[in-house]
Amino acid sequence: MQSQPHGAKARPRRGNAELYLVPAGKPVWESADHIAFARRIFIFFDAAKLQRAGHNMAALQEISQLATFSDPVVRQLAAMLADETQQGGPNGRMYGESLAHALTAALLAITERAQKPAKGGLAPRALQRVIAYLEEHWREQLFLADLARLAGISQSHFGRAFKTSTGVAPSRWHMNIRIRRAQEMLLADTQSLADIALYAGFSDQSHFTRAFRQVAGLTPGAWRKAQQA
């Protein structure tokens, strides 16, 4: 089966899934020969929201220039997101949003990695348990030993396995959740920055500001104003 953005050089691919990122409005053509089964997953990204969140759109544009590419992290996260959607979202909205954010981060990480990540990621069910736990306990201080126990593997192996599966370390995933929840409170515009910082589990507003800027690219106050503009 072949799936190519219009104008890209065609290269037939067989076997495992192929991935491609197509800029908005650009046509895609497909052809198939003796296909017994094919599953297509279409995921649409809101470029404006990604840019406001501080994501590097130039990096995504670099990926879109590839005819096709293959990445085990992106493939697994896309499949998990598709399964969650197809089943009606049994794990809740926050779980689905967490997968979507991880998928975006994994796509951006492709341009930063010199080579494919090593084999040895978490099993899909183990990863799902850990992500659900992180979403539920996002305000708490989390320990690697507890997450490893939840995944059913040793603590020494867990950190590497989690990063192989998601593209980020467990601590970064946890921080991304906290910042995302803080963004939701900022949009409500009913609490002060100090109150949001405390509720989101930061030691003080200064700590919150540093962490927020590292993830979103703006201070909490500047980010809130940008959303209201």
C-alpha atoms as a PDB file:
ATOM      1  CA  MET A   1       0.000   0.000   0.000  1.00  0.00           C
ATOM      2  CA  GLN A   2       1.188   3.529  -0.762  1.00  0.00           C
ATOM      3  CA  SER A   3       0.030   6.745   0.941  1.00  0.00           C
ATOM      4  CA  GLN A   4       1.822   9.922  -0.077  1.00  0.00           C
ATOM      5  CA  PRO A   5       1.300  13.681   0.187  1.00  0.00           C
ATOM      6  CA  HIS A   6       0.800  15.064  -3.309  1.00  0.00           C
ATOM      7  CA  GLY A   7       4.141  15.830  -4.926  1.00  0.00           C
ATOM      8  CA  ALA A   8       6.228  13.551  -2.673  1.00  0.00           C
ATOM      9  CA  LYS A   9       8.253  10.750  -4.187  1.00  0.00           C
ATOM     10  CA  ALA A  10       6.301   7.499  -4.002  1.00  0.00           C
ATOM     11  CA  ARG A  11       7.857   4.578  -2.170  1.00  0.00           C
ATOM     12  CA  PRO A  12       5.824   1.365  -1.745  1.00  0.00           C
ATOM     13  CA  ARG A  13       5.758   0.078   1.817  1.00  0.00           C
ATOM     14  CA  ARG A  14       4.569  -3.273   3.105  1.00  0.00           C
ATOM     15  CA  GLY A  15       4.213  -4.839   6.520  1.00  0.00           C
ATOM     16  CA  ASN A  16       4.258  -2.592   9.596  1.00  0.00           C
ATOM     17  CA  ALA A  17       2.493   0.749   9.764  1.00  0.00           C
ATOM     18  CA  GLU A  18       3.839   3.765   7.932  1.00  0.00           C
ATOM     19  CA  LEU A  19       3.293   7.297   9.140  1.00  0.00           C
ATOM     20  CA  TYR A  20       3.031  10.613   7.362  1.00  0.00           C
ATOM     21  CA  LEU A  21       2.263  14.169   8.417  1.00  0.00           C
ATOM     22  CA  VAL A  22       0.418  16.268   5.853  1.00  0.00           C
ATOM     23  CA  PRO A  23       0.104  20.082   6.015  1.00  0.00           C
ATOM     24  CA  ALA A  24      -3.473  21.372   6.103  1.00  0.00           C
ATOM     25  CA  GLY A  25      -5.076  21.607   2.674  1.00  0.00           C
ATOM     26  CA  LYS A  26      -2.518  19.439   0.924  1.00  0.00           C
ATOM     27  CA  PRO A  27      -4.043  16.514  -1.058  1.00  0.00           C
ATOM     28  CA  VAL A  28      -3.002  12.903  -0.457  1.00  0.00           C
ATOM     29  CA  TRP A  29      -3.270   9.962  -2.849  1.00  0.00           C
ATOM     30  CA  GLU A  30      -3.353   6.272  -2.033  1.00  0.00           C
ATOM     31  CA  SER A  31      -3.064   3.056  -4.006  1.00  0.00           C
ATOM     32  CA  ALA A  32      -3.336  -0.536  -2.831  1.00  0.00           C
ATOM     33  CA  ASP A  33      -2.577  -3.940  -4.282  1.00  0.00           C
ATOM     34  CA  HIS A  34      -3.780  -7.234  -2.763  1.00  0.00           C
ATOM     35  CA  ILE A  35      -4.580  -5.756   0.651  1.00  0.00           C
ATOM     36  CA  ALA A  36      -6.095  -8.219   3.123  1.00  0.00           C
ATOM     37  CA  PHE A  37      -6.470  -5.750   5.994  1.00  0.00           C
ATOM     38  CA  ALA A  38      -5.595  -2.106   6.485  1.00  0.00           C
ATOM     39  CA  ARG A  39      -6.263   0.213   9.400  1.00  0.00           C
ATOM     40  CA  ARG A  40      -6.069   3.960   8.882  1.00  0.00           C
ATOM     41  CA  ILE A  41      -5.817   6.369  11.803  1.00  0.00           C
ATOM     42  CA  PHE A  42      -6.408  10.027  10.964  1.00  0.00           C
ATOM     43  CA  ILE A  43      -5.356  12.536  13.627  1.00  0.00           C
ATOM     44  CA  PHE A  44      -5.938  16.248  13.049  1.00  0.00           C
ATOM     45  CA  PHE A  45      -3.843  18.874  14.837  1.00  0.00           C
ATOM     46  CA  ASP A  46      -4.946  22.443  15.531  1.00  0.00           C
ATOM     47  CA  ALA A  47      -1.858  24.416  14.476  1.00  0.00           C
ATOM     48  CA  ALA A  48      -2.978  27.592  16.252  1.00  0.00           C
ATOM     49  CA  LYS A  49      -3.409  25.797  19.577  1.00  0.00           C
ATOM     50  CA  LEU A  50      -0.077  24.032  19.216  1.00  0.00           C
ATOM     51  CA  GLN A  51       1.676  27.316  18.538  1.00  0.00           C
ATOM     52  CA  ARG A  52       0.000  29.033  21.496  1.00  0.00           C
ATOM     53  CA  ALA A  53       1.139  26.146  23.696  1.00  0.00           C
ATOM     54  CA  GLY A  54       4.731  26.859  22.684  1.00  0.00           C
ATOM     55  CA  HIS A  55       5.288  23.925  20.323  1.00  0.00           C
ATOM     56  CA  ASN A  56       7.863  24.286  17.559  1.00  0.00           C
ATOM     57  CA  MET A  57       5.797  24.402  14.379  1.00  0.00           C
ATOM     58  CA  ALA A  58       8.918  24.616  12.224  1.00  0.00           C
ATOM     59  CA  ALA A  59       9.933  21.189  13.510  1.00  0.00           C
ATOM     60  CA  LEU A  60       6.566  19.721  12.535  1.00  0.00           C
ATOM     61  CA  GLN A  61       6.976  21.270   9.103  1.00  0.00           C
ATOM     62  CA  GLU A  62      10.292  19.412   8.747  1.00  0.00           C
ATOM     63  CA  ILE A  63       8.543  16.106   9.409  1.00  0.00           C
ATOM     64  CA  SER A  64       5.841  16.918   6.846  1.00  0.00           C
ATOM     65  CA  GLN A  65       8.509  17.114   4.156  1.00  0.00           C
ATOM     66  CA  LEU A  66       9.215  13.396   4.561  1.00  0.00           C
ATOM     67  CA  ALA A  67       7.427  11.091   2.112  1.00  0.00           C
ATOM     68  CA  THR A  68       6.838   8.609   4.922  1.00  0.00           C
ATOM     69  CA  PHE A  69       8.511   7.925   8.229  1.00  0.00           C
ATOM     70  CA  SER A  70       8.419   5.262  10.909  1.00  0.00           C
ATOM     71  CA  ASP A  71       8.552   5.784  14.653  1.00  0.00           C
ATOM     72  CA  PRO A  72       7.517   3.165  17.245  1.00  0.00           C
ATOM     73  CA  VAL A  73       6.615   5.756  19.896  1.00  0.00           C
ATOM     74  CA  VAL A  74       4.316   7.731  17.580  1.00  0.00           C
ATOM     75  CA  ARG A  75       2.772   4.518  16.259  1.00  0.00           C
ATOM     76  CA  GLN A  76       1.986   3.179  19.742  1.00  0.00           C
ATOM     77  CA  LEU A  77       0.585   6.456  21.067  1.00  0.00           C
ATOM     78  CA  ALA A  78      -1.568   6.930  17.949  1.00  0.00           C
ATOM     79  CA  ALA A  79      -2.947   3.399  18.290  1.00  0.00           C
ATOM     80  CA  MET A  80      -3.713   3.933  21.989  1.00  0.00           C
ATOM     81  CA  LEU A  81      -5.468   7.225  21.214  1.00  0.00           C
ATOM     82  CA  ALA A  82      -7.470   5.606  18.408  1.00  0.00           C
ATOM     83  CA  ASP A  83      -8.494   2.681  20.629  1.00  0.00           C
ATOM     84  CA  GLU A  84      -9.542   5.043  23.415  1.00  0.00           C
ATOM     85  CA  THR A  85     -11.668   7.082  20.983  1.00  0.00           C
ATOM     86  CA  GLN A  86     -13.211   4.025  19.337  1.00  0.00           C
ATOM     87  CA  GLN A  87     -14.228   2.644  22.743  1.00  0.00           C
ATOM     88  CA  GLY A  88     -15.987   5.865  23.696  1.00  0.00           C
ATOM     89  CA  GLY A  89     -13.335   7.246  26.041  1.00  0.00           C
ATOM     90  CA  PRO A  90     -13.678   4.800  28.968  1.00  0.00           C
ATOM     91  CA  ASN A  91     -10.666   6.307  30.762  1.00  0.00           C
ATOM     92  CA  GLY A  92     -11.968   9.873  30.709  1.00  0.00           C
ATOM     93  CA  ARG A  93     -11.203  13.085  28.860  1.00  0.00           C
ATOM     94  CA  MET A  94      -7.959  13.806  30.712  1.00  0.00           C
ATOM     95  CA  TYR A  95      -6.497  10.452  29.722  1.00  0.00           C
ATOM     96  CA  GLY A  96      -7.251  11.107  26.060  1.00  0.00           C
ATOM     97  CA  GLU A  97      -5.815  14.619  26.245  1.00  0.00           C
ATOM     98  CA  SER A  98      -2.694  13.258  27.902  1.00  0.00           C
ATOM     99  CA  LEU A  99      -2.176  10.834  25.020  1.00  0.00           C
ATOM    100  CA  ALA A 100      -2.720  13.641  22.507  1.00  0.00           C
ATOM    101  CA  HIS A 101      -0.112  15.838  24.190  1.00  0.00           C
ATOM    102  CA  ALA A 102       2.333  12.928  24.304  1.00  0.00           C
ATOM    103  CA  LEU A 103       1.760  12.225  20.617  1.00  0.00           C
ATOM    104  CA  THR A 104       2.555  15.840  19.754  1.00  0.00           C
ATOM    105  CA  ALA A 105       5.703  15.730  21.880  1.00  0.00           C
ATOM    106  CA  ALA A 106       6.767  12.469  20.237  1.00  0.00           C
ATOM    107  CA  LEU A 107       6.367  13.965  16.765  1.00  0.00           C
ATOM    108  CA  LEU A 108       8.464  16.966  17.740  1.00  0.00           C
ATOM    109  CA  ALA A 109      11.085  14.719  19.291  1.00  0.00           C
ATOM    110  CA  ILE A 110      11.670  12.983  15.944  1.00  0.00           C
ATOM    111  CA  THR A 111      13.649  15.959  14.682  1.00  0.00           C
ATOM    112  CA  GLU A 112      15.761  15.966  17.850  1.00  0.00           C
ATOM    113  CA  ARG A 113      16.691  12.309  17.980  1.00  0.00           C
ATOM    114  CA  ALA A 114      19.800  11.191  16.174  1.00  0.00           C
ATOM    115  CA  GLN A 115      18.574   7.612  16.137  1.00  0.00           C
ATOM    116  CA  LYS A 116      15.507   5.555  16.938  1.00  0.00           C
ATOM    117  CA  PRO A 117      14.910   4.824  20.623  1.00  0.00           C
ATOM    118  CA  ALA A 118      16.112   1.505  21.953  1.00  0.00           C
ATOM    119  CA  LYS A 119      13.744  -1.421  22.190  1.00  0.00           C
ATOM    120  CA  GLY A 120      12.306  -2.289  25.565  1.00  0.00           C
ATOM    121  CA  GLY A 121       9.336   0.024  26.165  1.00  0.00           C
ATOM    122  CA  LEU A 122       6.422  -0.684  28.470  1.00  0.00           C
ATOM    123  CA  ALA A 123       3.670  -3.066  27.433  1.00  0.00           C
ATOM    124  CA  PRO A 124       0.572  -1.108  26.277  1.00  0.00           C
ATOM    125  CA  ARG A 125      -1.551  -2.168  29.272  1.00  0.00           C
ATOM    126  CA  ALA A 126       1.221  -1.300  31.720  1.00  0.00           C
ATOM    127  CA  LEU A 127       1.661   2.093  30.059  1.00  0.00           C
ATOM    128  CA  GLN A 128      -2.084   2.693  30.241  1.00  0.00           C
ATOM    129  CA  ARG A 129      -2.120   1.900  33.983  1.00  0.00           C
ATOM    130  CA  VAL A 130       0.768   4.256  34.660  1.00  0.00           C
ATOM    131  CA  ILE A 131      -0.706   7.117  32.605  1.00  0.00           C
ATOM    132  CA  ALA A 132      -4.098   6.740  34.285  1.00  0.00           C
ATOM    133  CA  TYR A 133      -2.402   6.786  37.696  1.00  0.00           C
ATOM    134  CA  LEU A 134      -0.427   9.925  36.825  1.00  0.00           C
ATOM    135  CA  GLU A 135      -3.612  11.645  35.672  1.00  0.00           C
ATOM    136  CA  GLU A 136      -5.471  10.721  38.864  1.00  0.00           C
ATOM    137  CA  HIS A 137      -2.660  11.662  41.258  1.00  0.00           C
ATOM    138  CA  TRP A 138      -1.292  14.655  39.363  1.00  0.00           C
ATOM    139  CA  ARG A 139      -1.175  16.958  42.429  1.00  0.00           C
ATOM    140  CA  GLU A 140       0.781  14.490  44.541  1.00  0.00           C
ATOM    141  CA  GLN A 141       4.497  13.885  44.866  1.00  0.00           C
ATOM    142  CA  LEU A 142       5.142  10.725  42.871  1.00  0.00           C
ATOM    143  CA  PHE A 143       7.910   8.197  43.356  1.00  0.00           C
ATOM    144  CA  LEU A 144       9.545   6.127  40.644  1.00  0.00           C
ATOM    145  CA  ALA A 145       9.326   2.997  42.788  1.00  0.00           C
ATOM    146  CA  ASP A 146       5.523   3.254  42.975  1.00  0.00           C
ATOM    147  CA  LEU A 147       5.188   3.727  39.214  1.00  0.00           C
ATOM    148  CA  ALA A 148       7.543   0.826  38.532  1.00  0.00           C
ATOM    149  CA  ARG A 149       5.524  -1.392  40.851  1.00  0.00           C
ATOM    150  CA  LEU A 150       2.357  -0.388  39.022  1.00  0.00           C
ATOM    151  CA  ALA A 151       3.981  -1.317  35.700  1.00  0.00           C
ATOM    152  CA  GLY A 152       5.217  -4.619  37.099  1.00  0.00           C
ATOM    153  CA  ILE A 153       8.910  -4.045  36.360  1.00  0.00           C
ATOM    154  CA  SER A 154      11.998  -3.034  38.318  1.00  0.00           C
ATOM    155  CA  GLN A 155      12.623   0.587  39.213  1.00  0.00           C
ATOM    156  CA  SER A 156      15.958   0.577  37.386  1.00  0.00           C
ATOM    157  CA  HIS A 157      14.259  -0.469  34.131  1.00  0.00           C
ATOM    158  CA  PHE A 158      11.080   1.604  34.472  1.00  0.00           C
ATOM    159  CA  GLY A 159      12.499   5.052  33.707  1.00  0.00           C
ATOM    160  CA  ARG A 160      14.124   3.903  30.469  1.00  0.00           C
ATOM    161  CA  ALA A 161      11.097   1.852  29.426  1.00  0.00           C
ATOM    162  CA  PHE A 162       8.682   4.733  30.037  1.00  0.00           C
ATOM    163  CA  LYS A 163      10.804   7.147  28.010  1.00  0.00           C
ATOM    164  CA  THR A 164      11.097   4.605  25.189  1.00  0.00           C
ATOM    165  CA  SER A 165       7.295   4.289  25.058  1.00  0.00           C
ATOM    166  CA  THR A 166       6.416   7.985  25.353  1.00  0.00           C
ATOM    167  CA  GLY A 167       9.498   9.949  24.330  1.00  0.00           C
ATOM    168  CA  VAL A 168       9.743  11.729  27.702  1.00  0.00           C
ATOM    169  CA  ALA A 169      10.806  10.835  31.240  1.00  0.00           C
ATOM    170  CA  PRO A 170       8.099  10.073  33.863  1.00  0.00           C
ATOM    171  CA  SER A 171       8.927  13.298  35.712  1.00  0.00           C
ATOM    172  CA  ARG A 172       8.440  15.353  32.533  1.00  0.00           C
ATOM    173  CA  TRP A 173       5.129  13.614  31.788  1.00  0.00           C
ATOM    174  CA  HIS A 174       3.968  14.383  35.328  1.00  0.00           C
ATOM    175  CA  MET A 175       5.040  18.021  34.988  1.00  0.00           C
ATOM    176  CA  ASN A 176       3.227  18.333  31.646  1.00  0.00           C
ATOM    177  CA  ILE A 177       0.019  17.149  33.312  1.00  0.00           C
ATOM    178  CA  ARG A 178       0.394  19.687  36.127  1.00  0.00           C
ATOM    179  CA  ILE A 179       0.998  22.519  33.665  1.00  0.00           C
ATOM    180  CA  ARG A 180      -1.965  21.443  31.529  1.00  0.00           C
ATOM    181  CA  ARG A 181      -4.259  21.434  34.570  1.00  0.00           C
ATOM    182  CA  ALA A 182      -2.878  24.834  35.565  1.00  0.00           C
ATOM    183  CA  GLN A 183      -3.691  26.113  32.068  1.00  0.00           C
ATOM    184  CA  GLU A 184      -7.294  25.012  32.513  1.00  0.00           C
ATOM    185  CA  MET A 185      -7.492  27.036  35.743  1.00  0.00           C
ATOM    186  CA  LEU A 186      -5.852  30.020  34.056  1.00  0.00           C
ATOM    187  CA  LEU A 187      -8.513  29.936  31.335  1.00  0.00           C
ATOM    188  CA  ALA A 188     -11.257  30.001  33.979  1.00  0.00           C
ATOM    189  CA  ASP A 189      -9.739  33.314  35.175  1.00  0.00           C
ATOM    190  CA  THR A 190     -11.227  33.001  38.664  1.00  0.00           C
ATOM    191  CA  GLN A 191      -8.068  32.368  40.708  1.00  0.00           C
ATOM    192  CA  SER A 192      -4.860  34.252  41.322  1.00  0.00           C
ATOM    193  CA  LEU A 193      -1.549  32.901  40.028  1.00  0.00           C
ATOM    194  CA  ALA A 194      -0.441  32.245  43.605  1.00  0.00           C
ATOM    195  CA  ASP A 195      -3.556  30.167  44.329  1.00  0.00           C
ATOM    196  CA  ILE A 196      -3.160  28.184  41.110  1.00  0.00           C
ATOM    197  CA  ALA A 197       0.496  27.522  41.896  1.00  0.00           C
ATOM    198  CA  LEU A 198      -0.390  26.182  45.337  1.00  0.00           C
ATOM    199  CA  TYR A 199      -3.267  24.038  44.079  1.00  0.00           C
ATOM    200  CA  ALA A 200      -1.138  22.562  41.288  1.00  0.00           C
ATOM    201  CA  GLY A 201       1.420  21.386  43.818  1.00  0.00           C
ATOM    202  CA  PHE A 202       4.192  23.947  43.348  1.00  0.00           C
ATOM    203  CA  SER A 203       6.137  25.220  46.337  1.00  0.00           C
ATOM    204  CA  ASP A 204       5.506  28.861  45.428  1.00  0.00           C
ATOM    205  CA  GLN A 205       4.540  31.124  42.537  1.00  0.00           C
ATOM    206  CA  SER A 206       8.162  31.538  41.445  1.00  0.00           C
ATOM    207  CA  HIS A 207       8.583  27.763  41.097  1.00  0.00           C
ATOM    208  CA  PHE A 208       5.314  27.601  39.175  1.00  0.00           C
ATOM    209  CA  THR A 209       6.404  30.386  36.810  1.00  0.00           C
ATOM    210  CA  ARG A 210       9.734  28.717  36.002  1.00  0.00           C
ATOM    211  CA  ALA A 211       8.138  25.329  35.357  1.00  0.00           C
ATOM    212  CA  PHE A 212       5.307  26.825  33.303  1.00  0.00           C
ATOM    213  CA  ARG A 213       7.665  28.815  31.092  1.00  0.00           C
ATOM    214  CA  GLN A 214       9.813  25.723  30.490  1.00  0.00           C
ATOM    215  CA  VAL A 215       6.811  23.765  29.203  1.00  0.00           C
ATOM    216  CA  ALA A 216       4.640  26.444  27.554  1.00  0.00           C
ATOM    217  CA  GLY A 217       7.268  28.983  26.515  1.00  0.00           C
ATOM    218  CA  LEU A 218       5.513  31.841  28.358  1.00  0.00           C
ATOM    219  CA  THR A 219       4.946  32.879  31.951  1.00  0.00           C
ATOM    220  CA  PRO A 220       1.495  31.966  33.362  1.00  0.00           C
ATOM    221  CA  GLY A 221       0.396  35.612  33.278  1.00  0.00           C
ATOM    222  CA  ALA A 222       1.536  36.126  29.692  1.00  0.00           C
ATOM    223  CA  TRP A 223      -0.061  32.844  28.620  1.00  0.00           C
ATOM    224  CA  ARG A 224      -3.392  33.841  30.192  1.00  0.00           C
ATOM    225  CA  LYS A 225      -3.344  37.216  28.405  1.00  0.00           C
ATOM    226  CA  ALA A 226      -2.515  35.523  25.094  1.00  0.00           C
ATOM    227  CA  GLN A 227      -5.563  33.260  25.417  1.00  0.00           C
ATOM    228  CA  GLN A 228      -7.815  36.213  26.197  1.00  0.00           C
ATOM    229  CA  ALA A 229      -6.588  38.301  23.256  1.00  0.00           C
END
